[in-house]
Protein backbone atom coordinates (compact mmCIF):
# COMPACT_ATOMS: atom_id res chain seq x y z
CA MET A 1 -37.75 26.06 -28.01
CA THR A 2 -36.60 22.59 -26.94
CA GLN A 3 -33.60 22.68 -29.28
CA GLU A 4 -32.66 26.12 -27.95
CA PHE A 5 -32.76 24.75 -24.40
CA LEU A 6 -30.65 21.72 -25.34
CA SER A 7 -27.99 23.82 -27.05
CA ALA A 8 -27.80 26.35 -24.24
CA ALA A 9 -27.77 23.64 -21.58
CA ARG A 10 -24.94 21.77 -23.29
CA ARG A 11 -22.82 24.91 -23.41
CA ARG A 12 -23.59 25.72 -19.77
CA TYR A 13 -22.73 22.20 -18.65
CA ILE A 14 -19.41 22.22 -20.51
CA ASP A 15 -18.50 25.59 -19.00
CA SER A 16 -19.46 24.60 -15.45
CA ASN A 17 -17.60 21.29 -15.67
CA ALA A 18 -14.52 23.05 -17.00
CA ALA A 19 -14.71 25.52 -14.11
CA THR A 20 -14.98 22.72 -11.55
CA LEU A 21 -12.11 20.73 -13.03
CA ARG A 22 -9.81 23.76 -13.33
CA TRP A 23 -10.62 24.72 -9.72
CA MET A 24 -9.83 21.22 -8.54
CA LEU A 25 -6.58 20.96 -10.51
CA ALA A 26 -5.32 24.34 -9.28
CA ARG A 27 -5.50 23.31 -5.62
CA PRO A 28 -2.48 21.82 -3.82
CA LYS A 29 -2.76 18.07 -3.45
CA LEU A 30 -3.19 16.50 -0.03
CA HIS A 31 -0.05 14.54 0.89
CA GLY A 32 1.19 15.66 -2.52
CA THR A 33 -1.14 13.14 -4.19
CA TYR A 34 -4.79 13.21 -3.10
CA LEU A 35 -7.43 15.54 -4.53
CA ASN A 36 -8.08 18.54 -2.31
CA THR A 37 -11.67 19.77 -2.25
CA LYS A 38 -11.60 20.80 1.40
CA MET A 39 -13.36 24.14 1.16
CA ASN A 40 -16.35 25.53 3.04
CA PRO A 41 -18.98 26.10 0.31
CA LEU A 42 -20.60 28.94 2.23
CA THR A 43 -17.52 31.01 3.08
CA LEU A 44 -15.21 29.74 0.30
CA VAL A 45 -12.50 29.41 2.98
CA ASP A 46 -10.30 26.32 3.01
CA TYR A 47 -10.63 23.98 5.95
CA VAL A 48 -7.54 23.83 8.17
CA ASP A 49 -6.19 21.46 10.82
CA ALA A 50 -8.29 23.16 13.51
CA ASP A 51 -11.44 22.05 11.64
CA GLY A 52 -10.90 18.48 12.84
CA TRP A 53 -12.60 15.88 10.68
CA ARG A 54 -13.06 18.41 7.87
CA GLY A 55 -9.41 19.42 7.78
CA PRO A 56 -6.45 18.36 5.61
CA ASN A 57 -5.19 15.82 8.14
CA HIS A 58 -8.01 13.49 7.12
CA ILE A 59 -8.28 11.83 3.73
CA TYR A 60 -11.63 10.35 2.69
CA GLY A 61 -11.33 7.22 0.57
CA TRP A 62 -14.98 7.68 -0.47
CA ILE A 63 -14.15 11.04 -2.08
CA GLN A 64 -10.85 9.95 -3.62
CA GLY A 65 -12.46 6.97 -5.33
CA ARG A 66 -15.16 9.22 -6.75
CA GLY A 67 -12.55 11.75 -7.80
CA LEU A 68 -10.49 9.15 -9.62
CA GLU A 69 -13.45 7.99 -11.71
CA SER A 70 -14.32 11.60 -12.47
CA ALA A 71 -10.76 12.56 -13.41
CA VAL A 72 -10.34 9.65 -15.80
CA THR A 73 -13.75 10.08 -17.43
CA HIS A 74 -13.34 13.81 -17.93
CA ALA A 75 -9.77 13.45 -19.18
CA ASP A 76 -11.18 11.53 -22.11
CA ALA A 77 -14.20 13.81 -22.61
CA PHE A 78 -12.26 17.08 -22.56
CA LYS A 79 -9.47 16.08 -24.94
CA PRO A 80 -11.15 17.70 -27.99
CA ILE A 81 -12.49 20.62 -25.93
CA ALA A 82 -9.70 21.68 -23.56
CA PRO A 83 -6.47 19.65 -23.88
CA ASP A 84 -4.95 21.48 -20.91
CA ILE A 85 -7.68 20.06 -18.68
CA THR A 86 -7.03 16.58 -20.05
CA SER A 87 -3.29 16.76 -19.39
CA GLY A 88 -3.88 18.05 -15.85
CA LEU A 89 -6.45 15.37 -15.10
CA ASP A 90 -4.21 12.63 -16.46
CA ALA A 91 -1.32 13.72 -14.23
CA ALA A 92 -3.58 13.89 -11.18
CA GLY A 93 -5.40 10.69 -12.10
CA LEU A 94 -2.27 8.60 -12.55
CA ALA A 95 -0.85 9.70 -9.18
CA LEU A 96 -4.18 9.06 -7.46
CA TYR A 97 -4.50 5.66 -9.12
CA ASP A 98 -1.13 4.59 -7.74
CA ALA A 99 -2.01 5.84 -4.25
CA LEU A 100 -5.42 4.13 -4.05
CA ASP A 101 -4.04 0.93 -5.54
CA ARG A 102 -1.37 0.82 -2.82
CA LEU A 103 -4.04 1.23 -0.12
CA VAL A 104 -6.05 -1.69 -1.50
CA GLN A 105 -2.96 -3.88 -1.73
CA ARG A 106 -2.02 -2.93 1.83
CA ASP A 107 -5.41 -3.32 3.52
CA GLY A 108 -7.62 -5.23 1.09
CA HIS A 109 -10.06 -2.31 1.20
CA VAL A 110 -10.25 1.45 0.81
CA SER A 111 -11.54 3.03 4.02
CA PHE A 112 -13.97 5.86 4.52
CA CYS A 113 -11.44 8.01 6.41
CA TYR A 114 -7.69 8.02 7.10
CA ASP A 115 -5.67 9.98 9.62
CA ALA A 116 -2.52 11.98 8.89
CA GLU A 117 -0.51 8.74 8.81
CA MET A 118 -2.97 7.16 6.35
CA ARG A 119 -4.32 4.75 8.95
CA PRO A 120 -8.05 3.88 8.73
CA VAL A 121 -9.99 5.68 11.46
CA ARG A 122 -13.55 6.40 12.49
CA PHE A 123 -14.71 9.52 14.29
CA LEU A 124 -16.32 9.46 17.71
CA ASP A 125 -17.31 13.13 17.29
CA THR A 126 -16.04 16.02 15.16
CA VAL A 127 -12.60 15.96 16.80
CA HIS A 128 -11.91 12.59 18.41
CA PHE A 129 -11.27 9.44 16.41
CA GLN A 130 -10.01 5.92 16.89
CA PRO A 131 -8.70 3.13 14.64
CA GLN A 132 -11.33 1.65 12.36
CA ARG A 133 -12.02 -2.08 12.50
CA GLN A 134 -13.00 -3.84 9.29
CA ASP A 135 -13.71 -7.52 8.83
CA ALA A 136 -11.90 -8.68 5.70
CA ASP A 137 -15.02 -10.02 3.98
CA ILE A 138 -17.30 -7.02 4.65
CA TYR A 139 -17.30 -4.31 1.97
CA THR A 140 -18.57 -0.71 1.94
CA PHE A 141 -19.42 2.23 -0.29
CA SER A 142 -15.79 3.34 -0.08
CA ASP A 143 -14.85 0.00 -1.66
CA THR A 144 -17.48 0.57 -4.36
CA PHE A 145 -16.23 4.03 -5.28
CA ALA A 146 -12.59 2.97 -5.15
CA ALA A 147 -13.15 -0.13 -7.27
CA LYS A 148 -14.97 1.86 -9.96
CA GLY A 149 -12.24 4.49 -10.00
CA LEU A 150 -9.45 1.92 -10.13
CA VAL A 151 -11.07 0.06 -13.03
CA ALA A 152 -11.56 3.27 -15.00
CA ALA A 153 -7.99 4.39 -14.31
CA ALA A 154 -6.38 1.02 -15.05
CA ALA A 155 -8.10 0.95 -18.43
CA ARG A 156 -6.53 4.33 -19.26
CA TYR A 157 -3.17 4.26 -17.48
CA ALA A 158 -2.24 0.68 -16.63
CA PRO A 159 -3.93 -1.90 -18.89
CA SER A 160 -1.81 -4.70 -17.43
CA ASP A 161 -3.43 -3.98 -14.05
CA LEU A 162 -6.96 -4.16 -15.40
CA PRO A 163 -7.62 -7.86 -14.68
CA ARG A 164 -6.64 -7.30 -11.04
CA GLN A 165 -8.89 -4.25 -10.73
CA LEU A 166 -11.77 -6.07 -12.38
CA GLU A 167 -11.36 -8.79 -9.76
CA LEU A 168 -11.63 -6.15 -7.04
CA LEU A 169 -14.82 -4.81 -8.60
CA GLN A 170 -16.24 -8.31 -8.74
CA ARG A 171 -15.44 -8.87 -5.06
CA VAL A 172 -17.51 -5.83 -4.15
CA ILE A 173 -20.37 -6.97 -6.40
CA ASP A 174 -20.25 -10.41 -4.78
CA ALA A 175 -20.34 -8.83 -1.32
CA ILE A 176 -23.46 -6.87 -2.25
CA GLU A 177 -25.25 -9.97 -3.48
CA ASP A 178 -24.03 -12.12 -0.57
CA ASN A 179 -25.20 -9.64 2.09
CA ARG A 180 -21.64 -8.77 3.10
CA PHE A 181 -21.95 -5.04 2.47
CA GLN A 182 -22.21 -2.46 5.28
CA ILE A 183 -23.77 0.93 4.61
CA ASP A 184 -22.78 2.89 7.73
CA GLU A 185 -19.00 3.36 7.64
CA LYS A 186 -18.93 5.42 10.82
CA LEU A 187 -19.39 2.19 12.79
CA PRO A 188 -16.91 -0.67 12.97
CA ILE A 189 -17.18 -2.65 9.72
CA THR A 190 -18.30 -6.00 11.10
CA ALA A 191 -20.70 -8.82 10.32
CA ALA A 192 -22.79 -7.89 13.37
CA ASN A 193 -23.23 -4.28 12.27
CA ARG A 194 -23.93 -5.42 8.72
CA ALA A 195 -26.65 -7.77 9.97
CA ALA A 196 -28.36 -4.96 11.89
CA GLN A 197 -28.99 -2.80 8.81
CA GLY A 198 -31.88 -2.92 6.35
CA ASP A 199 -31.62 -3.92 2.70
CA ASP A 200 -31.36 -0.39 1.29
CA PHE A 201 -31.44 -0.26 -2.51
CA GLY A 202 -28.57 2.24 -2.48
CA THR A 203 -26.01 -0.55 -2.28
CA ARG A 204 -27.02 -1.94 -5.66
CA MET A 205 -27.93 1.44 -7.12
CA ILE A 206 -24.46 2.95 -6.77
CA MET A 207 -22.66 -0.13 -8.11
CA LEU A 208 -25.11 -0.16 -11.03
CA SER A 209 -23.12 2.73 -12.50
CA ALA A 210 -20.27 0.29 -13.13
CA GLY A 211 -22.40 -1.25 -15.87
CA ALA A 212 -21.95 1.77 -18.14
CA LEU A 213 -18.32 2.13 -17.08
CA LEU A 214 -17.50 -1.45 -18.06
CA THR A 215 -19.32 -0.99 -21.36
CA ARG A 216 -17.26 2.11 -22.17
CA ILE A 217 -13.97 0.28 -21.62
CA GLY A 218 -15.01 -2.68 -23.76
CA HIS A 219 -16.15 -5.16 -21.10
CA ARG A 220 -19.92 -5.38 -21.66
CA SER A 221 -19.63 -9.13 -21.13
CA LEU A 222 -19.00 -8.50 -17.42
CA THR A 223 -22.18 -6.51 -16.81
CA SER A 224 -24.79 -9.18 -16.08
CA PHE A 225 -24.88 -7.95 -12.47
CA ALA A 226 -26.37 -4.66 -13.71
CA ASP A 227 -29.42 -6.44 -15.12
CA ARG A 228 -29.84 -8.33 -11.84
CA PHE A 229 -29.52 -5.13 -9.83
CA ILE A 230 -32.13 -3.32 -11.91
CA ASP A 231 -34.55 -6.22 -11.57
CA HIS A 232 -33.91 -6.54 -7.84
CA ILE A 233 -34.49 -2.85 -7.15
CA ILE A 234 -37.71 -2.65 -9.14
CA ASP A 235 -39.05 -5.96 -7.81
CA ARG A 236 -38.29 -5.21 -4.15
CA HIS A 237 -38.40 -1.42 -3.81
CA PHE A 238 -40.72 0.08 -6.43
CA ASP A 239 -44.03 1.28 -4.99
CA PRO A 240 -46.54 1.56 -7.89
CA ALA A 241 -48.98 3.60 -5.80
CA SER A 242 -46.57 6.48 -5.27
CA GLY A 243 -44.21 5.85 -8.18
CA LEU A 244 -41.28 5.97 -5.73
CA LEU A 245 -38.55 3.59 -4.63
CA ARG A 246 -38.75 2.73 -0.94
CA ASN A 247 -35.30 2.78 0.68
CA VAL A 248 -36.04 -0.57 2.36
CA GLU A 249 -38.76 -2.92 1.23
CA GLY A 250 -41.93 -2.37 3.27
CA GLN A 251 -40.73 0.84 4.93
CA ASP A 252 -42.02 4.35 4.27
CA ASN A 253 -38.89 6.44 3.75
CA CYS A 254 -37.87 7.26 0.17
CA ASN A 255 -34.57 8.90 -0.68
CA VAL A 256 -35.96 10.36 -3.89
CA GLY A 257 -32.54 11.59 -5.00
CA HIS A 258 -31.32 7.99 -4.90
CA GLY A 259 -34.39 6.97 -6.87
CA ILE A 260 -33.56 9.52 -9.54
CA GLU A 261 -29.90 8.44 -9.51
CA PHE A 262 -31.03 4.85 -10.10
CA VAL A 263 -32.95 5.94 -13.20
CA GLY A 264 -29.90 7.75 -14.55
CA PHE A 265 -27.56 4.82 -13.99
CA ALA A 266 -30.02 2.33 -15.51
CA LEU A 267 -30.52 4.44 -18.63
CA ASP A 268 -26.78 5.10 -18.92
CA TYR A 269 -26.24 1.34 -18.85
CA TYR A 270 -28.70 0.94 -21.74
CA VAL A 271 -27.25 3.70 -23.97
CA GLY A 272 -27.02 2.21 -27.44
CA GLU A 273 -28.97 -0.88 -26.34
CA THR A 274 -32.59 -1.94 -26.63
CA ILE A 275 -34.67 -1.38 -23.51
CA ALA A 276 -37.95 -3.14 -22.76
CA PRO A 277 -40.92 -0.74 -23.05
CA GLU A 278 -42.27 -1.71 -19.62
CA LEU A 279 -38.92 -1.07 -17.96
CA LEU A 280 -38.68 2.31 -19.68
CA ARG A 281 -42.19 3.17 -18.45
CA VAL A 282 -41.27 2.29 -14.86
CA LEU A 283 -38.03 4.27 -15.03
CA GLU A 284 -39.87 7.33 -16.35
CA THR A 285 -42.46 6.93 -13.59
CA ILE A 286 -39.78 6.79 -10.90
CA LEU A 287 -38.04 9.86 -12.32
CA VAL A 288 -41.12 12.06 -12.65
CA SER A 289 -42.74 10.94 -9.38
CA SER A 290 -39.51 11.28 -7.40
CA PHE A 291 -38.88 14.77 -8.71
CA ASP A 292 -42.45 16.02 -8.42
CA LEU A 293 -42.84 14.80 -4.84
CA GLY A 294 -39.30 15.70 -3.80
CA TYR A 295 -39.08 19.16 -5.39
CA GLN A 296 -40.74 21.07 -2.59
CA GLY A 297 -38.59 24.05 -1.67
CA PRO A 298 -35.28 25.15 -3.15
CA GLY A 299 -34.36 21.69 -4.45
CA VAL A 300 -35.13 18.00 -4.07
CA ARG A 301 -35.80 17.05 -0.45
CA LEU A 302 -33.62 14.32 0.99
CA VAL A 303 -36.45 12.04 2.21
CA VAL A 304 -40.10 11.75 1.20
CA SER A 305 -42.89 9.57 2.62
CA ALA A 306 -44.23 6.92 0.23
CA ALA A 307 -47.53 6.89 2.10
CA THR A 308 -48.25 10.62 2.06
CA GLY A 309 -45.94 12.00 -0.62
CA ARG A 310 -44.86 14.68 1.82
CA PRO A 311 -41.20 15.49 2.55
CA ILE A 312 -39.80 14.16 5.81
CA SER A 313 -36.48 16.02 5.68
CA ALA A 314 -35.96 19.78 5.56
CA TYR A 315 -32.68 19.33 3.69
CA SER A 316 -32.29 19.70 -0.08
CA PRO A 317 -28.76 18.56 -1.02
CA TRP A 318 -27.22 19.79 -4.25
CA TRP A 319 -26.48 16.41 -5.80
CA ALA A 320 -30.09 15.40 -6.49
CA LEU A 321 -30.45 18.17 -9.09
CA PRO A 322 -27.56 17.24 -11.41
CA GLU A 323 -28.58 13.61 -10.98
CA THR A 324 -32.05 14.68 -12.16
CA ILE A 325 -30.46 16.37 -15.17
CA ARG A 326 -28.65 13.15 -16.10
CA ALA A 327 -31.72 10.94 -15.66
CA ALA A 328 -34.01 13.35 -17.49
CA ALA A 329 -31.62 13.81 -20.40
CA LEU A 330 -31.25 10.06 -20.92
CA CYS A 331 -34.98 9.47 -20.47
CA TYR A 332 -35.93 12.26 -22.86
CA GLU A 333 -33.57 10.78 -25.44
CA ARG A 334 -35.70 7.60 -25.35
CA THR A 335 -39.20 9.01 -24.94
CA GLY A 336 -39.37 12.65 -26.02
CA SER A 337 -41.76 13.05 -23.07
CA THR A 338 -42.97 16.57 -22.28
CA ALA A 339 -43.15 15.62 -18.58
CA VAL A 340 -39.52 14.54 -18.62
CA MET A 341 -38.45 17.72 -20.42
CA ARG A 342 -40.31 19.74 -17.78
CA VAL A 343 -38.42 17.91 -15.03
CA TRP A 344 -35.11 18.51 -16.81
CA GLN A 345 -35.74 22.24 -17.25
CA GLU A 346 -36.93 22.72 -13.66
CA ALA A 347 -33.92 20.86 -12.25
CA ASP A 348 -31.57 22.84 -14.50
CA ARG A 349 -33.06 26.14 -13.39
CA ALA A 350 -33.05 25.24 -9.69
CA PHE A 351 -29.44 24.08 -9.74
CA PHE A 352 -27.94 26.99 -11.64
CA GLU A 353 -30.07 29.70 -10.04
CA ARG A 354 -29.93 28.53 -6.40
CA TYR A 355 -26.95 26.21 -5.89
CA TRP A 356 -24.27 27.01 -8.45
CA ARG A 357 -21.83 29.73 -7.43
CA PRO A 358 -20.67 31.44 -10.66
CA GLY A 359 -16.95 32.09 -10.86
CA THR A 360 -16.05 29.51 -8.20
CA GLY A 361 -16.50 26.13 -9.88
CA ILE A 362 -18.53 24.83 -6.92
CA ALA A 363 -22.09 24.70 -5.63
CA TYR A 364 -23.71 25.14 -2.26
CA GLN A 365 -23.92 21.63 -0.82
CA CYS A 366 -27.28 21.94 0.89
CA LEU A 367 -30.21 24.35 1.10
CA THR A 368 -33.28 24.56 3.26
CA ASP A 369 -36.22 26.94 2.84
CA GLU A 370 -34.12 29.51 4.72
CA GLY A 371 -31.17 29.29 2.31
CA PRO A 372 -27.71 27.68 2.22
CA ILE A 373 -26.81 25.69 5.32
CA ASP A 374 -23.61 24.19 6.71
CA TYR A 375 -24.77 20.58 6.59
CA VAL A 376 -22.52 17.62 5.76
CA PRO A 377 -24.53 14.54 4.78
CA ALA A 378 -21.59 12.18 4.17
CA THR A 379 -18.11 13.66 3.78
CA PRO A 380 -17.01 17.26 4.34
CA ASP A 381 -14.96 17.45 1.14
CA LEU A 382 -16.70 19.10 -1.80
CA ASP A 383 -17.75 17.08 -4.82
CA PRO A 384 -14.70 16.19 -6.98
CA GLY A 385 -16.69 16.30 -10.20
CA TYR A 386 -18.62 13.10 -9.46
CA HIS A 387 -22.29 13.83 -8.73
CA THR A 388 -22.27 17.16 -10.52
CA ALA A 389 -19.82 16.94 -13.42
CA LEU A 390 -20.38 13.28 -14.38
CA SER A 391 -24.13 13.87 -14.36
CA LEU A 392 -23.79 16.93 -16.55
CA LEU A 393 -21.36 15.06 -18.82
CA ALA A 394 -24.04 12.44 -19.51
CA ALA A 395 -26.37 15.24 -20.59
CA ILE A 396 -23.62 16.81 -22.72
CA ASP A 397 -23.15 13.48 -24.50
CA MET A 398 -26.89 13.01 -24.96
CA VAL A 399 -27.30 16.40 -26.63
CA GLY A 400 -24.31 15.60 -28.82
CA ARG A 401 -25.93 12.35 -29.95
CA SER A 402 -29.26 14.05 -30.64
CA SER A 403 -27.66 16.66 -32.91
CA ARG A 404 -25.95 14.17 -35.21
């Protein structure tokens, strides 16, 4: 039965990723260059200028950085499966690489949002915006996503640029470890605003994914930060009583999707490497506890209480389910745990039965107990194959390894 599930899941993941990538490639580029995923996931109608911050006049650096990493990674993965997808992704990826690289060279950073003239802006509400202010030595999630995408793309398209892009990645890593990283990009990016935020594990968790990326492009020697990040997160944020990761040390809120994502990135980093048994036990505990306490309703709730185990948020965003699939696949590969396989199968069923929209290449972005809802947690653009397709790709690869 397990082998039947693995084979069927692999085929389903390949088909859904191909649908997403073909949908994305068929859409007209923004400014002739940037990926265009500006579609309402409920109505399937494209956003237009009248939609303000959701519309095509605003480019999100956060999304474009994610999209670049996804395009490059899938271009390599799909070469033996669908060469037409690979050629399309390479054309889109090279153009996007050049565009994002120019923004970094111009500003020193990639910003969360740009206006129609590609000037960094921040929104005061859904319509009104003003120029964004960013201190040169403060970095953000947009920098993280851009740096990862630029490293991946330079390795494939512009090897002579790779040392420069690796330096950018290191600058972001240094900013995380030196407390020069701001989480909320809707505020001015300043030392004062940075100092007012808590030490959320998400800053290290998301950059942790660069450990596997660097390994894949032949730079494992540059990944010592990943070991430090894993140790830091477990030492400061793991709550043994609940099995969850607290967002901020000593506080009650737990973004269980981020906890699951951490497990997936850590295990992806250790693919092909020895992992300490105690670390593997903790990672499995975080995965199973986060899913079991978070999966209350149509999907994984956004926030859960460490003290009570009860959900605090009514929202169940789509991304936590494919992230669960990635983490569970990589954990099952190590442990063969029946609890982990149960988590994988439940997450697979919930995602494809409740979120995935067959024939469209996209998923509903958020559900509550009442059904799909028009809720934008970060950026209005749909996922450019990052949370969903890269997570499923990790599971595709895991099943491929297990069948050899």
